[in-house]
């Protein structure tokens, strides 16, 4: 009887050791994948920062005005005139829609004494 108990205990310890080894291996694999993803995210953020800096550099107003002046005839651009701009009072704003109220609820004024009378204090 004792020998069966020892064998079962040894098998249990062996099974738990195998399970712990597999979990440790899976954990290390997930950590490696996480580090790889973090490096990829860092590289993507660095590329994004470079692209944003390039975009800001290319969209400088002085550069764009020089390009517009150089290519004015080729692009068929027209000079800006004061008549092309409008005034704020000329803007047509959308009107608020009138939404019908299907079931109106009547509200009555509640005084402080009525409100206090409804409060239940345990």
PDB file of N, CA and C in Angstrom:
ATOM      1  N   UNK A   1       0.818  -1.193   0.000  1.00  0.00           N
ATOM      2  CA  UNK A   1       0.000   0.000   0.000  1.00  0.00           C
ATOM      3  C   UNK A   1       0.864   1.262   0.000  1.00  0.00           C
ATOM      4  N   UNK A   2       1.925   1.236   0.838  1.00  0.00           N
ATOM      5  CA  UNK A   2       2.809   2.387   0.903  1.00  0.00           C
ATOM      6  C   UNK A   2       3.549   2.581  -0.418  1.00  0.00           C
ATOM      7  N   UNK A   3       3.904   1.513  -1.068  1.00  0.00           N
ATOM      8  CA  UNK A   3       4.642   1.630  -2.330  1.00  0.00           C
ATOM      9  C   UNK A   3       3.749   2.258  -3.416  1.00  0.00           C
ATOM     10  N   UNK A   4       2.472   1.927  -3.433  1.00  0.00           N
ATOM     11  CA  UNK A   4       1.554   2.531  -4.410  1.00  0.00           C
ATOM     12  C   UNK A   4       1.427   4.032  -4.119  1.00  0.00           C
ATOM     13  N   UNK A   5       1.339   4.375  -2.833  1.00  0.00           N
ATOM     14  CA  UNK A   5       1.244   5.785  -2.455  1.00  0.00           C
ATOM     15  C   UNK A   5       2.508   6.544  -2.854  1.00  0.00           C
ATOM     16  N   UNK A   6       3.681   5.939  -2.677  1.00  0.00           N
ATOM     17  CA  UNK A   6       4.944   6.563  -3.075  1.00  0.00           C
ATOM     18  C   UNK A   6       5.014   6.740  -4.587  1.00  0.00           C
ATOM     19  N   UNK A   7       4.574   5.736  -5.336  1.00  0.00           N
ATOM     20  CA  UNK A   7       4.594   5.808  -6.801  1.00  0.00           C
ATOM     21  C   UNK A   7       3.641   6.891  -7.271  1.00  0.00           C
ATOM     22  N   UNK A   8       2.424   6.935  -6.707  1.00  0.00           N
ATOM     23  CA  UNK A   8       1.459   7.966  -7.091  1.00  0.00           C
ATOM     24  C   UNK A   8       1.968   9.365  -6.737  1.00  0.00           C
ATOM     25  N   UNK A   9       2.608   9.502  -5.591  1.00  0.00           N
ATOM     26  CA  UNK A   9       3.177  10.786  -5.186  1.00  0.00           C
ATOM     27  C   UNK A   9       4.296  11.197  -6.135  1.00  0.00           C
ATOM     28  N   UNK A  10       5.158  10.244  -6.486  1.00  0.00           N
ATOM     29  CA  UNK A  10       6.261  10.531  -7.410  1.00  0.00           C
ATOM     30  C   UNK A  10       5.717  10.925  -8.780  1.00  0.00           C
ATOM     31  N   UNK A  11       4.679  10.231  -9.257  1.00  0.00           N
ATOM     32  CA  UNK A  11       4.063  10.577 -10.534  1.00  0.00           C
ATOM     33  C   UNK A  11       3.414  11.964 -10.469  1.00  0.00           C
ATOM     34  N   UNK A  12       2.783  12.272  -9.356  1.00  0.00           N
ATOM     35  CA  UNK A  12       2.180  13.595  -9.187  1.00  0.00           C
ATOM     36  C   UNK A  12       3.228  14.693  -9.211  1.00  0.00           C
ATOM     37  N   UNK A  13       4.331  14.475  -8.488  1.00  0.00           N
ATOM     38  CA  UNK A  13       5.412  15.467  -8.470  1.00  0.00           C
ATOM     39  C   UNK A  13       6.003  15.602  -9.870  1.00  0.00           C
ATOM     40  N   UNK A  14       6.191  14.486 -10.555  1.00  0.00           N
ATOM     41  CA  UNK A  14       6.727  14.518 -11.914  1.00  0.00           C
ATOM     42  C   UNK A  14       5.779  15.270 -12.855  1.00  0.00           C
ATOM     43  N   UNK A  15       4.482  15.018 -12.739  1.00  0.00           N
ATOM     44  CA  UNK A  15       3.487  15.700 -13.570  1.00  0.00           C
ATOM     45  C   UNK A  15       3.467  17.197 -13.299  1.00  0.00           C
ATOM     46  N   UNK A  16       3.523  17.562 -12.021  1.00  0.00           N
ATOM     47  CA  UNK A  16       3.547  18.990 -11.682  1.00  0.00           C
ATOM     48  C   UNK A  16       4.826  19.663 -12.174  1.00  0.00           C
ATOM     49  N   UNK A  17       5.956  18.960 -12.097  1.00  0.00           N
ATOM     50  CA  UNK A  17       7.217  19.518 -12.595  1.00  0.00           C
ATOM     51  C   UNK A  17       7.141  19.718 -14.106  1.00  0.00           C
ATOM     52  N   UNK A  18       6.553  18.757 -14.820  1.00  0.00           N
ATOM     53  CA  UNK A  18       6.391  18.888 -16.263  1.00  0.00           C
ATOM     54  C   UNK A  18       5.479  20.067 -16.606  1.00  0.00           C
ATOM     55  N   UNK A  19       4.386  20.198 -15.881  1.00  0.00           N
ATOM     56  CA  UNK A  19       3.459  21.318 -16.098  1.00  0.00           C
ATOM     57  C   UNK A  19       4.158  22.654 -15.831  1.00  0.00           C
ATOM     58  N   UNK A  20       4.922  22.745 -14.726  1.00  0.00           N
ATOM     59  CA  UNK A  20       5.627  23.987 -14.379  1.00  0.00           C
ATOM     60  C   UNK A  20       6.661  24.330 -15.447  1.00  0.00           C
ATOM     61  N   UNK A  21       7.348  23.314 -15.975  1.00  0.00           N
ATOM     62  CA  UNK A  21       8.330  23.554 -17.029  1.00  0.00           C
ATOM     63  C   UNK A  21       7.654  24.109 -18.282  1.00  0.00           C
ATOM     64  N   UNK A  22       6.517  23.534 -18.664  1.00  0.00           N
ATOM     65  CA  UNK A  22       5.796  24.003 -19.853  1.00  0.00           C
ATOM     66  C   UNK A  22       5.281  25.435 -19.653  1.00  0.00           C
ATOM     67  N   UNK A  23       4.773  25.730 -18.487  1.00  0.00           N
ATOM     68  CA  UNK A  23       4.291  27.081 -18.212  1.00  0.00           C
ATOM     69  C   UNK A  23       5.436  28.086 -18.241  1.00  0.00           C
ATOM     70  N   UNK A  24       6.579  27.689 -17.699  1.00  0.00           N
ATOM     71  CA  UNK A  24       7.751  28.564 -17.720  1.00  0.00           C
ATOM     72  C   UNK A  24       8.191  28.823 -19.164  1.00  0.00           C
ATOM     73  N   UNK A  25       8.204  27.789 -19.985  1.00  0.00           N
ATOM     74  CA  UNK A  25       8.589  27.918 -21.382  1.00  0.00           C
ATOM     75  C   UNK A  25       7.615  28.842 -22.118  1.00  0.00           C
ATOM     76  N   UNK A  26       6.297  28.653 -21.890  1.00  0.00           N
ATOM     77  CA  UNK A  26       5.290  29.517 -22.531  1.00  0.00           C
ATOM     78  C   UNK A  26       5.452  30.971 -22.083  1.00  0.00           C
ATOM     79  N   UNK A  27       5.726  31.167 -20.803  1.00  0.00           N
ATOM     80  CA  UNK A  27       5.900  32.522 -20.274  1.00  0.00           C
ATOM     81  C   UNK A  27       7.104  33.199 -20.913  1.00  0.00           C
ATOM     82  N   UNK A  28       8.207  32.484 -21.045  1.00  0.00           N
ATOM     83  CA  UNK A  28       9.385  33.059 -21.679  1.00  0.00           C
ATOM     84  C   UNK A  28       9.113  33.388 -23.142  1.00  0.00           C
ATOM     85  N   UNK A  29       8.351  32.532 -23.837  1.00  0.00           N
ATOM     86  CA  UNK A  29       8.007  32.796 -25.233  1.00  0.00           C
ATOM     87  C   UNK A  29       7.151  34.052 -25.359  1.00  0.00           C
ATOM     88  N   UNK A  30       6.177  34.200 -24.467  1.00  0.00           N
ATOM     89  CA  UNK A  30       5.312  35.392 -24.495  1.00  0.00           C
ATOM     90  C   UNK A  30       6.125  36.638 -24.184  1.00  0.00           C
ATOM     91  N   UNK A  31       7.066  36.557 -23.253  1.00  0.00           N
ATOM     92  CA  UNK A  31       7.920  37.708 -22.941  1.00  0.00           C
ATOM     93  C   UNK A  31       8.771  38.117 -24.138  1.00  0.00           C
ATOM     94  N   UNK A  32       9.304  37.125 -24.877  1.00  0.00           N
ATOM     95  CA  UNK A  32      10.081  37.437 -26.075  1.00  0.00           C
ATOM     96  C   UNK A  32       9.209  38.105 -27.125  1.00  0.00           C
ATOM     97  N   UNK A  33       7.992  37.606 -27.307  1.00  0.00           N
ATOM     98  CA  UNK A  33       7.070  38.207 -28.273  1.00  0.00           C
ATOM     99  C   UNK A  33       6.711  39.632 -27.860  1.00  0.00           C
ATOM    100  N   UNK A  34       6.523  39.840 -26.558  1.00  0.00           N
ATOM    101  CA  UNK A  34       6.193  41.174 -26.050  1.00  0.00           C
ATOM    102  C   UNK A  34       7.340  42.143 -26.305  1.00  0.00           C
ATOM    103  N   UNK A  35       8.560  41.708 -26.061  1.00  0.00           N
ATOM    104  CA  UNK A  35       9.720  42.563 -26.326  1.00  0.00           C
ATOM    105  C   UNK A  35       9.825  42.892 -27.809  1.00  0.00           C
ATOM    106  N   UNK A  36       9.583  41.907 -28.654  1.00  0.00           N
ATOM    107  CA  UNK A  36       9.627  42.135 -30.091  1.00  0.00           C
ATOM    108  C   UNK A  36       8.579  43.158 -30.506  1.00  0.00           C
ATOM    109  N   UNK A  37       7.375  43.026 -29.973  1.00  0.00           N
ATOM    110  CA  UNK A  37       6.319  43.985 -30.294  1.00  0.00           C
ATOM    111  C   UNK A  37       6.668  45.384 -29.790  1.00  0.00           C
ATOM    112  N   UNK A  38       7.269  45.467 -28.597  1.00  0.00           N
ATOM    113  CA  UNK A  38       7.652  46.769 -28.060  1.00  0.00           C
ATOM    114  C   UNK A  38       8.717  47.425 -28.936  1.00  0.00           C
ATOM    115  N   UNK A  39       9.657  46.626 -29.443  1.00  0.00           N
ATOM    116  CA  UNK A  39      10.676  47.174 -30.347  1.00  0.00           C
ATOM    117  C   UNK A  39      10.033  47.647 -31.651  1.00  0.00           C
ATOM    118  N   UNK A  40       9.068  46.883 -32.168  1.00  0.00           N
ATOM    119  CA  UNK A  40       8.377  47.290 -33.391  1.00  0.00           C
ATOM    120  C   UNK A  40       7.586  48.579 -33.165  1.00  0.00           C
ATOM    121  N   UNK A  41       6.940  48.695 -32.020  1.00  0.00           N
ATOM    122  CA  UNK A  41       6.176  49.908 -31.703  1.00  0.00           C
ATOM    123  C   UNK A  41       7.122  51.102 -31.597  1.00  0.00           C
ATOM    124  N   UNK A  42       8.256  50.913 -30.942  1.00  0.00           N
ATOM    125  CA  UNK A  42       9.242  51.996 -30.829  1.00  0.00           C
ATOM    126  C   UNK A  42       9.757  52.436 -32.193  1.00  0.00           C
ATOM    127  N   UNK A  43      10.028  51.466 -33.070  1.00  0.00           N
ATOM    128  CA  UNK A  43      10.501  51.801 -34.417  1.00  0.00           C
ATOM    129  C   UNK A  43       9.410  52.531 -35.199  1.00  0.00           C
ATOM    130  N   UNK A  44       8.172  52.094 -35.058  1.00  0.00           N
ATOM    131  CA  UNK A  44       7.061  52.760 -35.752  1.00  0.00           C
ATOM    132  C   UNK A  44       6.875  54.186 -35.238  1.00  0.00           C
ATOM    133  N   UNK A  45       7.017  54.388 -33.938  1.00  0.00           N
ATOM    134  CA  UNK A  45       6.897  55.736 -33.378  1.00  0.00           C
ATOM    135  C   UNK A  45       8.028  56.630 -33.873  1.00  0.00           C
ATOM    136  N   UNK A  46       9.227  56.079 -34.000  1.00  0.00           N
ATOM    137  CA  UNK A  46      10.349  56.868 -34.514  1.00  0.00           C
ATOM    138  C   UNK A  46      10.107  57.246 -35.972  1.00  0.00           C
ATOM    139  N   UNK A  47       9.610  56.280 -36.780  1.00  0.00           N
ATOM    140  CA  UNK A  47       9.292  56.586 -38.180  1.00  0.00           C
ATOM    141  C   UNK A  47       8.198  57.642 -38.273  1.00  0.00           C
ATOM    142  N   UNK A  48       7.204  57.534 -37.408  1.00  0.00           N
ATOM    143  CA  UNK A  48       6.113  58.513 -37.405  1.00  0.00           C
ATOM    144  C   UNK A  48       6.628  59.906 -37.046  1.00  0.00           C
ATOM    145  N   UNK A  49       7.525  59.985 -36.085  1.00  0.00           N
ATOM    146  CA  UNK A  49       8.092  61.288 -35.709  1.00  0.00           C
ATOM    147  C   UNK A  49       8.866  61.894 -36.875  1.00  0.00           C
ATOM    148  N   UNK A  50       9.611  61.068 -37.604  1.00  0.00           N
ATOM    149  CA  UNK A  50      10.355  61.563 -38.764  1.00  0.00           C
ATOM    150  C   UNK A  50       9.391  62.043 -39.839  1.00  0.00           C
ATOM    151  N   UNK A  51       8.338  61.271 -40.088  1.00  0.00           N
ATOM    152  CA  UNK A  51       7.360  61.671 -41.105  1.00  0.00           C
ATOM    153  C   UNK A  51       6.649  62.964 -40.725  1.00  0.00           C
ATOM    154  N   UNK A  52       6.324  63.122 -39.454  1.00  0.00           N
ATOM    155  CA  UNK A  52       5.686  64.361 -39.007  1.00  0.00           C
ATOM    156  C   UNK A  52       6.619  65.552 -39.166  1.00  0.00           C
ATOM    157  N   UNK A  53       7.904  65.350 -38.871  1.00  0.00           N
ATOM    158  CA  UNK A  53       8.881  66.430 -39.030  1.00  0.00           C
ATOM    159  C   UNK A  53       9.030  66.790 -40.508  1.00  0.00           C
ATOM    160  N   UNK A  54       9.074  65.766 -41.382  1.00  0.00           N
ATOM    161  CA  UNK A  54       9.167  66.040 -42.812  1.00  0.00           C
ATOM    162  C   UNK A  54       7.923  66.769 -43.317  1.00  0.00           C
ATOM    163  N   UNK A  55       6.750  66.363 -42.846  1.00  0.00           N
ATOM    164  CA  UNK A  55       5.506  67.017 -43.254  1.00  0.00           C
ATOM    165  C   UNK A  55       5.511  68.486 -42.828  1.00  0.00           C
ATOM    166  N   UNK A  56       5.936  68.741 -41.603  1.00  0.00           N
ATOM    167  CA  UNK A  56       5.991  70.126 -41.124  1.00  0.00           C
ATOM    168  C   UNK A  56       7.009  70.935 -41.938  1.00  0.00           C
ATOM    169  N   UNK A  57       8.119  70.306 -42.283  1.00  0.00           N
ATOM    170  CA  UNK A  57       9.144  71.007 -43.069  1.00  0.00           C
ATOM    171  C   UNK A  57       8.631  71.331 -44.474  1.00  0.00           C
ATOM    172  N   UNK A  58       7.946  70.380 -45.103  1.00  0.00           N
ATOM    173  CA  UNK A  58       7.453  70.588 -46.463  1.00  0.00           C
ATOM    174  C   UNK A  58       6.273  71.552 -46.517  1.00  0.00           C
ATOM    175  N   UNK A  59       5.550  71.717 -45.430  1.00  0.00           N
ATOM    176  CA  UNK A  59       4.381  72.595 -45.419  1.00  0.00           C
ATOM    177  C   UNK A  59       4.664  73.962 -44.815  1.00  0.00           C
ATOM    178  N   UNK A  60       5.904  74.383 -44.823  1.00  0.00           N
ATOM    179  CA  UNK A  60       6.227  75.724 -44.351  1.00  0.00           C
ATOM    180  C   UNK A  60       5.563  76.741 -45.265  1.00  0.00           C
ATOM    181  N   UNK A  61       4.945  77.781 -44.703  1.00  0.00           N
ATOM    182  CA  UNK A  61       4.264  78.779 -45.540  1.00  0.00           C
ATOM    183  C   UNK A  61       5.193  79.476 -46.539  1.00  0.00           C
ATOM    184  N   UNK A  62       6.425  79.772 -46.118  1.00  0.00           N
ATOM    185  CA  UNK A  62       7.330  80.449 -47.049  1.00  0.00           C
ATOM    186  C   UNK A  62       7.689  79.548 -48.229  1.00  0.00           C
ATOM    187  N   UNK A  63       7.880  78.255 -47.983  1.00  0.00           N
ATOM    188  CA  UNK A  63       8.184  77.315 -49.061  1.00  0.00           C
ATOM    189  C   UNK A  63       6.995  77.176 -50.002  1.00  0.00           C
ATOM    190  N   UNK A  64       5.788  77.054 -49.441  1.00  0.00           N
ATOM    191  CA  UNK A  64       4.606  76.899 -50.272  1.00  0.00           C
ATOM    192  C   UNK A  64       4.341  78.138 -51.111  1.00  0.00           C
ATOM    193  N   UNK A  65       4.577  79.318 -50.542  1.00  0.00           N
ATOM    194  CA  UNK A  65       4.365  80.540 -51.331  1.00  0.00           C
ATOM    195  C   UNK A  65       5.389  80.632 -52.456  1.00  0.00           C
ATOM    196  N   UNK A  66       6.636  80.221 -52.208  1.00  0.00           N
ATOM    197  CA  UNK A  66       7.644  80.209 -53.276  1.00  0.00           C
ATOM    198  C   UNK A  66       7.253  79.245 -54.384  1.00  0.00           C
ATOM    199  N   UNK A  67       6.756  78.060 -54.007  1.00  0.00           N
ATOM    200  CA  UNK A  67       6.322  77.095 -55.010  1.00  0.00           C
ATOM    201  C   UNK A  67       5.142  77.620 -55.813  1.00  0.00           C
ATOM    202  N   UNK A  68       4.225  78.294 -55.131  1.00  0.00           N
ATOM    203  CA  UNK A  68       3.078  78.859 -55.840  1.00  0.00           C
ATOM    204  C   UNK A  68       3.526  79.952 -56.796  1.00  0.00           C
ATOM    205  N   UNK A  69       4.495  80.777 -56.385  1.00  0.00           N
ATOM    206  CA  UNK A  69       5.000  81.825 -57.263  1.00  0.00           C
ATOM    207  C   UNK A  69       5.729  81.233 -58.472  1.00  0.00           C
ATOM    208  N   UNK A  70       6.524  80.184 -58.240  1.00  0.00           N
ATOM    209  CA  UNK A  70       7.266  79.573 -59.343  1.00  0.00           C
ATOM    210  C   UNK A  70       6.336  78.902 -60.358  1.00  0.00           C
ATOM    211  N   UNK A  71       5.274  78.308 -59.893  1.00  0.00           N
ATOM    212  CA  UNK A  71       4.385  77.540 -60.766  1.00  0.00           C
ATOM    213  C   UNK A  71       3.061  78.245 -61.028  1.00  0.00           C
ATOM    214  N   UNK A  72       3.040  79.548 -60.842  1.00  0.00           N
ATOM    215  CA  UNK A  72       1.798  80.314 -60.962  1.00  0.00           C
ATOM    216  C   UNK A  72       1.199  80.165 -62.362  1.00  0.00           C
ATOM    217  N   UNK A  73       1.992  80.381 -63.388  1.00  0.00           N
ATOM    218  CA  UNK A  73       1.496  80.321 -64.775  1.00  0.00           C
ATOM    219  C   UNK A  73       1.170  78.885 -65.169  1.00  0.00           C
ATOM    220  N   UNK A  74       2.043  77.951 -64.822  1.00  0.00           N
ATOM    221  CA  UNK A  74       1.860  76.559 -65.238  1.00  0.00           C
ATOM    222  C   UNK A  74       0.601  75.958 -64.623  1.00  0.00           C
ATOM    223  N   UNK A  75       0.292  76.323 -63.372  1.00  0.00           N
ATOM    224  CA  UNK A  75      -0.889  75.788 -62.702  1.00  0.00           C
ATOM    225  C   UNK A  75      -2.161  76.552 -63.037  1.00  0.00           C
ATOM    226  N   UNK A  76      -2.029  77.686 -63.660  1.00  0.00           N
ATOM    227  CA  UNK A  76      -3.197  78.485 -64.007  1.00  0.00           C
ATOM    228  C   UNK A  76      -3.879  79.084 -62.793  1.00  0.00           C
ATOM    229  N   UNK A  77      -3.097  79.504 -61.818  1.00  0.00           N
ATOM    230  CA  UNK A  77      -3.647  80.075 -60.599  1.00  0.00           C
ATOM    231  C   UNK A  77      -4.114  81.504 -60.846  1.00  0.00           C
ATOM    232  N   UNK A  78      -5.093  81.927 -60.074  1.00  0.00           N
ATOM    233  CA  UNK A  78      -5.584  83.300 -60.147  1.00  0.00           C
ATOM    234  C   UNK A  78      -5.158  84.041 -58.890  1.00  0.00           C
ATOM    235  N   UNK A  79      -4.859  85.330 -59.024  1.00  0.00           N
ATOM    236  CA  UNK A  79      -4.462  86.083 -57.826  1.00  0.00           C
ATOM    237  C   UNK A  79      -5.645  86.258 -56.883  1.00  0.00           C
ATOM    238  N   UNK A  80      -5.350  86.370 -55.611  1.00  0.00           N
ATOM    239  CA  UNK A  80      -6.395  86.573 -54.609  1.00  0.00           C
ATOM    240  C   UNK A  80      -6.889  88.008 -54.674  1.00  0.00           C
ATOM    241  N   UNK A  81      -8.212  88.147 -54.528  1.00  0.00           N
ATOM    242  CA  UNK A  81      -8.822  89.476 -54.498  1.00  0.00           C
ATOM    243  C   UNK A  81      -9.665  89.582 -53.235  1.00  0.00           C
ATOM    244  N   UNK A  82      -9.914  90.791 -52.814  1.00  0.00           N
ATOM    245  CA  UNK A  82     -10.690  91.025 -51.596  1.00  0.00           C
ATOM    246  C   UNK A  82     -12.128  90.564 -51.752  1.00  0.00           C
ATOM    247  N   UNK A  83     -12.651  90.564 -52.977  1.00  0.00           N
ATOM    248  CA  UNK A  83     -14.038  90.149 -53.199  1.00  0.00           C
ATOM    249  C   UNK A  83     -14.250  88.662 -52.992  1.00  0.00           C
ATOM    250  N   UNK A  84     -13.166  87.909 -52.972  1.00  0.00           N
ATOM    251  CA  UNK A  84     -13.285  86.458 -52.813  1.00  0.00           C
ATOM    252  C   UNK A  84     -13.592  86.058 -51.370  1.00  0.00           C
ATOM    253  N   UNK A  85     -13.420  86.987 -50.456  1.00  0.00           N
ATOM    254  CA  UNK A  85     -13.661  86.676 -49.056  1.00  0.00           C
ATOM    255  C   UNK A  85     -15.035  87.189 -48.655  1.00  0.00           C
ATOM    256  N   UNK A  86     -15.732  86.446 -47.825  1.00  0.00           N
ATOM    257  CA  UNK A  86     -17.055  86.850 -47.374  1.00  0.00           C
ATOM    258  C   UNK A  86     -17.003  87.401 -45.963  1.00  0.00           C
ATOM    259  N   UNK A  87     -18.184  87.802 -45.494  1.00  0.00           N
ATOM    260  CA  UNK A  87     -18.309  88.314 -44.130  1.00  0.00           C
ATOM    261  C   UNK A  87     -19.006  87.252 -43.287  1.00  0.00           C
ATOM    262  N   UNK A  88     -18.873  87.368 -41.989  1.00  0.00           N
ATOM    263  CA  UNK A  88     -19.449  86.378 -41.079  1.00  0.00           C
ATOM    264  C   UNK A  88     -20.973  86.393 -41.133  1.00  0.00           C
ATOM    265  N   UNK A  89     -21.575  87.558 -41.418  1.00  0.00           N
ATOM    266  CA  UNK A  89     -23.045  87.612 -41.455  1.00  0.00           C
ATOM    267  C   UNK A  89     -23.614  86.990 -42.730  1.00  0.00           C
ATOM    268  N   UNK A  90     -22.765  86.622 -43.677  1.00  0.00           N
ATOM    269  CA  UNK A  90     -23.226  85.980 -44.902  1.00  0.00           C
ATOM    270  C   UNK A  90     -23.281  84.459 -44.780  1.00  0.00           C
ATOM    271  N   UNK A  91     -22.827  83.937 -43.680  1.00  0.00           N
ATOM    272  CA  UNK A  91     -22.810  82.481 -43.503  1.00  0.00           C
ATOM    273  C   UNK A  91     -24.214  81.994 -43.212  1.00  0.00           C
ATOM    274  N   UNK A  92     -24.648  80.978 -43.948  1.00  0.00           N
ATOM    275  CA  UNK A  92     -25.985  80.399 -43.745  1.00  0.00           C
ATOM    276  C   UNK A  92     -25.864  79.241 -42.755  1.00  0.00           C
ATOM    277  N   UNK A  93     -26.362  79.466 -41.569  1.00  0.00           N
ATOM    278  CA  UNK A  93     -26.329  78.423 -40.553  1.00  0.00           C
ATOM    279  C   UNK A  93     -27.585  77.568 -40.665  1.00  0.00           C
ATOM    280  N   UNK A  94     -27.464  76.299 -40.349  1.00  0.00           N
ATOM    281  CA  UNK A  94     -28.623  75.407 -40.371  1.00  0.00           C
ATOM    282  C   UNK A  94     -29.547  75.766 -39.209  1.00  0.00           C
ATOM    283  N   UNK A  95     -30.844  75.688 -39.472  1.00  0.00           N
ATOM    284  CA  UNK A  95     -31.819  75.996 -38.424  1.00  0.00           C
ATOM    285  C   UNK A  95     -32.031  74.770 -37.553  1.00  0.00           C
ATOM    286  N   UNK A  96     -32.348  75.041 -36.285  1.00  0.00           N
ATOM    287  CA  UNK A  96     -32.650  73.943 -35.380  1.00  0.00           C
ATOM    288  C   UNK A  96     -33.987  73.337 -35.772  1.00  0.00           C
ATOM    289  N   UNK A  97     -34.050  72.025 -35.899  1.00  0.00           N
ATOM    290  CA  UNK A  97     -35.322  71.403 -36.276  1.00  0.00           C
ATOM    291  C   UNK A  97     -36.305  71.461 -35.107  1.00  0.00           C
ATOM    292  N   UNK A  98     -37.573  71.681 -35.435  1.00  0.00           N
ATOM    293  CA  UNK A  98     -38.604  71.678 -34.410  1.00  0.00           C
ATOM    294  C   UNK A  98     -39.039  70.242 -34.181  1.00  0.00           C
ATOM    295  N   UNK A  99     -38.672  69.704 -33.045  1.00  0.00           N
ATOM    296  CA  UNK A  99     -39.024  68.327 -32.724  1.00  0.00           C
ATOM    297  C   UNK A  99     -40.300  68.323 -31.895  1.00  0.00           C
ATOM    298  N   UNK A 100     -41.323  67.646 -32.368  1.00  0.00           N
ATOM    299  CA  UNK A 100     -42.572  67.616 -31.588  1.00  0.00           C
ATOM    300  C   UNK A 100     -42.414  66.740 -30.349  1.00  0.00           C
ATOM    301  N   UNK A 101     -43.053  67.159 -29.275  1.00  0.00           N
ATOM    302  CA  UNK A 101     -43.042  66.375 -28.042  1.00  0.00           C
ATOM    303  C   UNK A 101     -44.320  65.548 -28.039  1.00  0.00           C
ATOM    304  N   UNK A 102     -44.162  64.231 -28.110  1.00  0.00           N
ATOM    305  CA  UNK A 102     -45.313  63.346 -28.249  1.00  0.00           C
ATOM    306  C   UNK A 102     -46.098  63.229 -26.949  1.00  0.00           C
ATOM    307  N   UNK A 103     -45.453  62.937 -25.861  1.00  0.00           N
ATOM    308  CA  UNK A 103     -46.123  62.763 -24.569  1.00  0.00           C
ATOM    309  C   UNK A 103     -45.535  63.747 -23.563  1.00  0.00           C
ATOM    310  N   UNK A 104     -46.102  64.940 -23.458  1.00  0.00           N
ATOM    311  CA  UNK A 104     -45.544  65.903 -22.506  1.00  0.00           C
ATOM    312  C   UNK A 104     -45.805  65.467 -21.067  1.00  0.00           C
ATOM    313  N   UNK A 105     -44.868  65.738 -20.211  1.00  0.00           N
ATOM    314  CA  UNK A 105     -44.982  65.420 -18.785  1.00  0.00           C
ATOM    315  C   UNK A 105     -45.132  66.730 -18.042  1.00  0.00           C
ATOM    316  N   UNK A 106     -46.161  66.795 -17.211  1.00  0.00           N
ATOM    317  CA  UNK A 106     -46.355  68.017 -16.435  1.00  0.00           C
ATOM    318  C   UNK A 106     -45.496  67.953 -15.192  1.00  0.00           C
ATOM    319  N   UNK A 107     -44.781  69.021 -14.946  1.00  0.00           N
ATOM    320  CA  UNK A 107     -43.932  69.119 -13.771  1.00  0.00           C
ATOM    321  C   UNK A 107     -44.573  70.095 -12.809  1.00  0.00           C
ATOM    322  N   UNK A 108     -44.536  69.746 -11.558  1.00  0.00           N
ATOM    323  CA  UNK A 108     -45.072  70.659 -10.556  1.00  0.00           C
ATOM    324  C   UNK A 108     -43.936  71.087  -9.633  1.00  0.00           C
ATOM    325  N   UNK A 109     -44.042  72.266  -9.150  1.00  0.00           N
ATOM    326  CA  UNK A 109     -43.009  72.794  -8.264  1.00  0.00           C
ATOM    327  C   UNK A 109     -43.091  72.086  -6.926  1.00  0.00           C
ATOM    328  N   UNK A 110     -41.954  71.632  -6.451  1.00  0.00           N
ATOM    329  CA  UNK A 110     -41.889  70.953  -5.165  1.00  0.00           C
ATOM    330  C   UNK A 110     -41.192  71.890  -4.201  1.00  0.00           C
ATOM    331  N   UNK A 111     -41.835  72.163  -3.111  1.00  0.00           N
ATOM    332  CA  UNK A 111     -41.226  73.036  -2.112  1.00  0.00           C
ATOM    333  C   UNK A 111     -40.249  72.226  -1.281  1.00  0.00           C
ATOM    334  N   UNK A 112     -39.438  72.906  -0.515  1.00  0.00           N
ATOM    335  CA  UNK A 112     -38.452  72.227   0.313  1.00  0.00           C
ATOM    336  C   UNK A 112     -39.124  71.357   1.367  1.00  0.00           C
ATOM    337  N   UNK A 113     -40.230  71.783   1.907  1.00  0.00           N
ATOM    338  CA  UNK A 113     -40.888  70.995   2.954  1.00  0.00           C
ATOM    339  C   UNK A 113     -41.494  69.730   2.369  1.00  0.00           C
ATOM    340  N   UNK A 114     -42.031  69.805   1.151  1.00  0.00           N
ATOM    341  CA  UNK A 114     -42.566  68.602   0.511  1.00  0.00           C
ATOM    342  C   UNK A 114     -41.451  67.632   0.197  1.00  0.00           C
ATOM    343  N   UNK A 115     -40.328  68.137  -0.273  1.00  0.00           N
ATOM    344  CA  UNK A 115     -39.202  67.259  -0.622  1.00  0.00           C
ATOM    345  C   UNK A 115     -38.657  66.581   0.631  1.00  0.00           C
ATOM    346  N   UNK A 116     -38.596  67.328   1.743  1.00  0.00           N
ATOM    347  CA  UNK A 116     -38.097  66.742   2.990  1.00  0.00           C
ATOM    348  C   UNK A 116     -39.069  65.729   3.556  1.00  0.00           C
ATOM    349  N   UNK A 117     -40.356  65.929   3.323  1.00  0.00           N
ATOM    350  CA  UNK A 117     -41.351  64.996   3.839  1.00  0.00           C
ATOM    351  C   UNK A 117     -41.280  63.641   3.142  1.00  0.00           C
ATOM    352  N   UNK A 118     -40.757  63.596   1.905  1.00  0.00           N
ATOM    353  CA  UNK A 118     -40.688  62.350   1.165  1.00  0.00           C
ATOM    354  C   UNK A 118     -39.421  61.567   1.479  1.00  0.00           C
ATOM    355  N   UNK A 119     -38.443  62.181   2.080  1.00  0.00           N
ATOM    356  CA  UNK A 119     -37.179  61.500   2.382  1.00  0.00           C
ATOM    357  C   UNK A 119     -37.401  60.604   3.586  1.00  0.00           C
ATOM    358  N   UNK A 120     -36.994  59.351   3.423  1.00  0.00           N
ATOM    359  CA  UNK A 120     -37.140  58.395   4.533  1.00  0.00           C
ATOM    360  C   UNK A 120     -35.783  58.208   5.171  1.00  0.00           C
ATOM    361  N   UNK A 121     -35.733  58.489   6.448  1.00  0.00           N
ATOM    362  CA  UNK A 121     -34.492  58.335   7.204  1.00  0.00           C
ATOM    363  C   UNK A 121     -34.589  57.054   8.011  1.00  0.00           C
ATOM    364  N   UNK A 122     -33.664  56.135   7.814  1.00  0.00           N
ATOM    365  CA  UNK A 122     -33.742  54.848   8.535  1.00  0.00           C
ATOM    366  C   UNK A 122     -33.464  54.998  10.011  1.00  0.00           C
TER     367      UNK A 122
END
